[in-house]
Amino acid sequence: MHRTQDADVTTWRKSSYSNGDQGNCVEVRDDRPGIVPVRDSKEPSVGQLLIGVTSWTALTDALQG
């Protein structure tokens, strides 16, 4: 996992688990092969975490299980 500042303009999508009340949400991007950029929707300027696809899949599978 690597943390970086979000310097480029890209399309982020909010987690499908967000409930729409502006609560704690994460946003992800799908434009980096092999990496899933993740950021806090309330604090996007703080930066992003870059998570490998294998780790991201394991995390989302565990959360769904």
N, C-alpha and C. Protein backbone atom coordinates (compact mmCIF):
# COMPACT_ATOMS: atom_id res chain seq x y z
N MET A 1 0.85 -1.16 0.00
CA MET A 1 0.00 0.00 0.00
C MET A 1 0.91 1.23 0.00
N HIS A 2 0.51 2.22 -0.78
CA HIS A 2 1.30 3.44 -0.90
C HIS A 2 0.37 4.64 -0.85
N ARG A 3 0.76 5.67 -0.15
CA ARG A 3 -0.06 6.88 -0.04
C ARG A 3 0.56 7.96 -0.91
N THR A 4 -0.29 8.66 -1.67
CA THR A 4 0.20 9.71 -2.56
C THR A 4 -0.80 10.84 -2.64
N GLN A 5 -0.34 12.01 -3.00
CA GLN A 5 -1.24 13.14 -3.21
C GLN A 5 -1.94 12.96 -4.55
N ASP A 6 -3.18 13.45 -4.64
CA ASP A 6 -3.97 13.33 -5.86
C ASP A 6 -3.72 14.56 -6.73
N ALA A 7 -2.75 14.46 -7.64
CA ALA A 7 -2.37 15.61 -8.43
C ALA A 7 -3.13 15.70 -9.75
N ASP A 8 -3.68 14.62 -10.21
CA ASP A 8 -4.34 14.64 -11.51
C ASP A 8 -5.86 14.69 -11.36
N VAL A 9 -6.51 15.08 -12.44
CA VAL A 9 -7.97 15.16 -12.44
C VAL A 9 -8.49 13.88 -13.08
N THR A 10 -9.22 13.10 -12.32
CA THR A 10 -9.76 11.84 -12.81
C THR A 10 -11.18 11.67 -12.30
N THR A 11 -11.82 10.62 -12.74
CA THR A 11 -13.17 10.33 -12.29
C THR A 11 -13.12 9.34 -11.14
N TRP A 12 -13.64 9.75 -10.02
CA TRP A 12 -13.75 8.91 -8.83
C TRP A 12 -15.19 8.44 -8.73
N ARG A 13 -15.39 7.25 -8.20
CA ARG A 13 -16.76 6.78 -7.95
C ARG A 13 -16.88 6.44 -6.47
N LYS A 14 -18.03 6.76 -5.94
CA LYS A 14 -18.28 6.52 -4.53
C LYS A 14 -18.61 5.04 -4.32
N SER A 15 -18.23 4.53 -3.20
CA SER A 15 -18.50 3.15 -2.85
C SER A 15 -19.99 2.83 -2.98
N SER A 16 -20.29 1.66 -3.47
CA SER A 16 -21.69 1.24 -3.58
C SER A 16 -22.30 1.02 -2.20
N TYR A 17 -21.47 0.99 -1.16
CA TYR A 17 -21.98 0.82 0.20
C TYR A 17 -22.33 2.15 0.86
N SER A 18 -22.11 3.27 0.15
CA SER A 18 -22.46 4.58 0.70
C SER A 18 -23.97 4.68 0.80
N ASN A 19 -24.42 5.33 1.86
CA ASN A 19 -25.87 5.40 2.06
C ASN A 19 -26.47 6.73 1.61
N GLY A 20 -25.68 7.61 1.02
CA GLY A 20 -26.21 8.84 0.45
C GLY A 20 -26.46 9.97 1.43
N ASP A 21 -26.17 9.79 2.72
CA ASP A 21 -26.43 10.86 3.70
C ASP A 21 -25.18 11.67 4.01
N GLN A 22 -24.20 11.65 3.11
CA GLN A 22 -22.93 12.36 3.28
C GLN A 22 -22.13 11.83 4.46
N GLY A 23 -22.35 10.58 4.82
CA GLY A 23 -21.61 9.96 5.91
C GLY A 23 -20.20 9.60 5.48
N ASN A 24 -19.55 8.75 6.24
CA ASN A 24 -18.20 8.32 5.92
C ASN A 24 -18.22 7.44 4.69
N CYS A 25 -17.56 7.87 3.64
CA CYS A 25 -17.56 7.14 2.38
C CYS A 25 -16.15 7.09 1.80
N VAL A 26 -15.93 6.08 1.01
CA VAL A 26 -14.69 6.01 0.25
C VAL A 26 -15.02 6.14 -1.22
N GLU A 27 -14.05 6.64 -1.97
CA GLU A 27 -14.16 6.73 -3.42
C GLU A 27 -13.01 5.95 -4.01
N VAL A 28 -13.25 5.34 -5.17
CA VAL A 28 -12.23 4.57 -5.85
C VAL A 28 -12.19 4.96 -7.32
N ARG A 29 -11.08 4.61 -7.97
CA ARG A 29 -10.92 4.82 -9.41
C ARG A 29 -10.62 3.48 -10.06
N ASP A 30 -10.95 3.38 -11.33
CA ASP A 30 -10.72 2.14 -12.07
C ASP A 30 -9.75 2.31 -13.23
N ASP A 31 -8.95 3.37 -13.22
CA ASP A 31 -8.14 3.69 -14.39
C ASP A 31 -6.66 3.33 -14.27
N ARG A 32 -6.26 2.62 -13.23
CA ARG A 32 -4.86 2.25 -13.03
C ARG A 32 -4.74 0.73 -13.04
N PRO A 33 -4.20 0.15 -14.09
CA PRO A 33 -4.06 -1.30 -14.16
C PRO A 33 -3.26 -1.86 -12.98
N GLY A 34 -3.85 -2.82 -12.29
CA GLY A 34 -3.18 -3.48 -11.19
C GLY A 34 -3.23 -2.75 -9.86
N ILE A 35 -3.76 -1.53 -9.84
CA ILE A 35 -3.81 -0.72 -8.63
C ILE A 35 -5.19 -0.10 -8.49
N VAL A 36 -5.69 -0.05 -7.25
CA VAL A 36 -6.96 0.61 -6.97
C VAL A 36 -6.69 1.82 -6.08
N PRO A 37 -6.76 3.03 -6.65
CA PRO A 37 -6.63 4.23 -5.82
C PRO A 37 -7.90 4.41 -4.97
N VAL A 38 -7.72 4.71 -3.68
CA VAL A 38 -8.83 4.85 -2.74
C VAL A 38 -8.61 6.14 -1.96
N ARG A 39 -9.69 6.92 -1.75
CA ARG A 39 -9.58 8.14 -0.95
C ARG A 39 -10.84 8.36 -0.13
N ASP A 40 -10.74 9.21 0.87
CA ASP A 40 -11.86 9.60 1.72
C ASP A 40 -12.66 10.67 0.98
N SER A 41 -13.95 10.44 0.77
CA SER A 41 -14.77 11.39 0.01
C SER A 41 -14.93 12.73 0.73
N LYS A 42 -14.80 12.73 2.04
CA LYS A 42 -14.92 13.98 2.79
C LYS A 42 -13.63 14.79 2.81
N GLU A 43 -12.50 14.15 2.59
CA GLU A 43 -11.19 14.81 2.63
C GLU A 43 -10.35 14.42 1.42
N PRO A 44 -10.82 14.66 0.20
CA PRO A 44 -10.08 14.20 -0.98
C PRO A 44 -8.71 14.85 -1.14
N SER A 45 -8.51 16.03 -0.60
CA SER A 45 -7.23 16.71 -0.76
C SER A 45 -6.12 16.10 0.11
N VAL A 46 -6.49 15.24 1.05
CA VAL A 46 -5.50 14.61 1.92
C VAL A 46 -4.61 13.65 1.14
N GLY A 47 -5.14 13.07 0.09
CA GLY A 47 -4.38 12.14 -0.73
C GLY A 47 -5.15 10.86 -0.95
N GLN A 48 -4.46 9.88 -1.45
CA GLN A 48 -5.09 8.60 -1.77
C GLN A 48 -4.18 7.45 -1.37
N LEU A 49 -4.80 6.31 -1.16
CA LEU A 49 -4.05 5.08 -0.93
C LEU A 49 -4.05 4.31 -2.23
N LEU A 50 -2.93 3.75 -2.60
CA LEU A 50 -2.83 2.91 -3.78
C LEU A 50 -2.73 1.47 -3.31
N ILE A 51 -3.76 0.70 -3.59
CA ILE A 51 -3.85 -0.68 -3.11
C ILE A 51 -3.81 -1.63 -4.30
N GLY A 52 -2.99 -2.66 -4.22
CA GLY A 52 -2.92 -3.65 -5.28
C GLY A 52 -4.27 -4.33 -5.48
N VAL A 53 -4.56 -4.71 -6.71
CA VAL A 53 -5.86 -5.33 -7.03
C VAL A 53 -6.11 -6.58 -6.20
N THR A 54 -5.09 -7.41 -6.01
CA THR A 54 -5.26 -8.64 -5.23
C THR A 54 -5.66 -8.32 -3.79
N SER A 55 -5.00 -7.34 -3.20
CA SER A 55 -5.33 -6.94 -1.82
C SER A 55 -6.71 -6.31 -1.75
N TRP A 56 -7.05 -5.48 -2.74
CA TRP A 56 -8.37 -4.84 -2.78
C TRP A 56 -9.48 -5.89 -2.88
N THR A 57 -9.28 -6.87 -3.74
CA THR A 57 -10.26 -7.93 -3.90
C THR A 57 -10.42 -8.72 -2.61
N ALA A 58 -9.32 -9.03 -1.94
CA ALA A 58 -9.39 -9.75 -0.66
C ALA A 58 -10.14 -8.93 0.38
N LEU A 59 -9.90 -7.63 0.42
CA LEU A 59 -10.58 -6.76 1.38
C LEU A 59 -12.08 -6.71 1.10
N THR A 60 -12.46 -6.45 -0.13
CA THR A 60 -13.89 -6.34 -0.43
C THR A 60 -14.60 -7.68 -0.27
N ASP A 61 -13.93 -8.79 -0.60
CA ASP A 61 -14.53 -10.11 -0.36
C ASP A 61 -14.76 -10.35 1.12
N ALA A 62 -13.78 -9.97 1.95
CA ALA A 62 -13.91 -10.16 3.40
C ALA A 62 -15.04 -9.30 3.96
N LEU A 63 -15.19 -8.09 3.46
CA LEU A 63 -16.25 -7.21 3.94
C LEU A 63 -17.63 -7.70 3.53
N GLN A 64 -17.72 -8.36 2.39
CA GLN A 64 -19.00 -8.88 1.92
C GLN A 64 -19.38 -10.19 2.60
N GLY A 65 -18.37 -10.91 3.09
CA GLY A 65 -18.58 -12.23 3.65
C GLY A 65 -19.09 -12.17 5.02
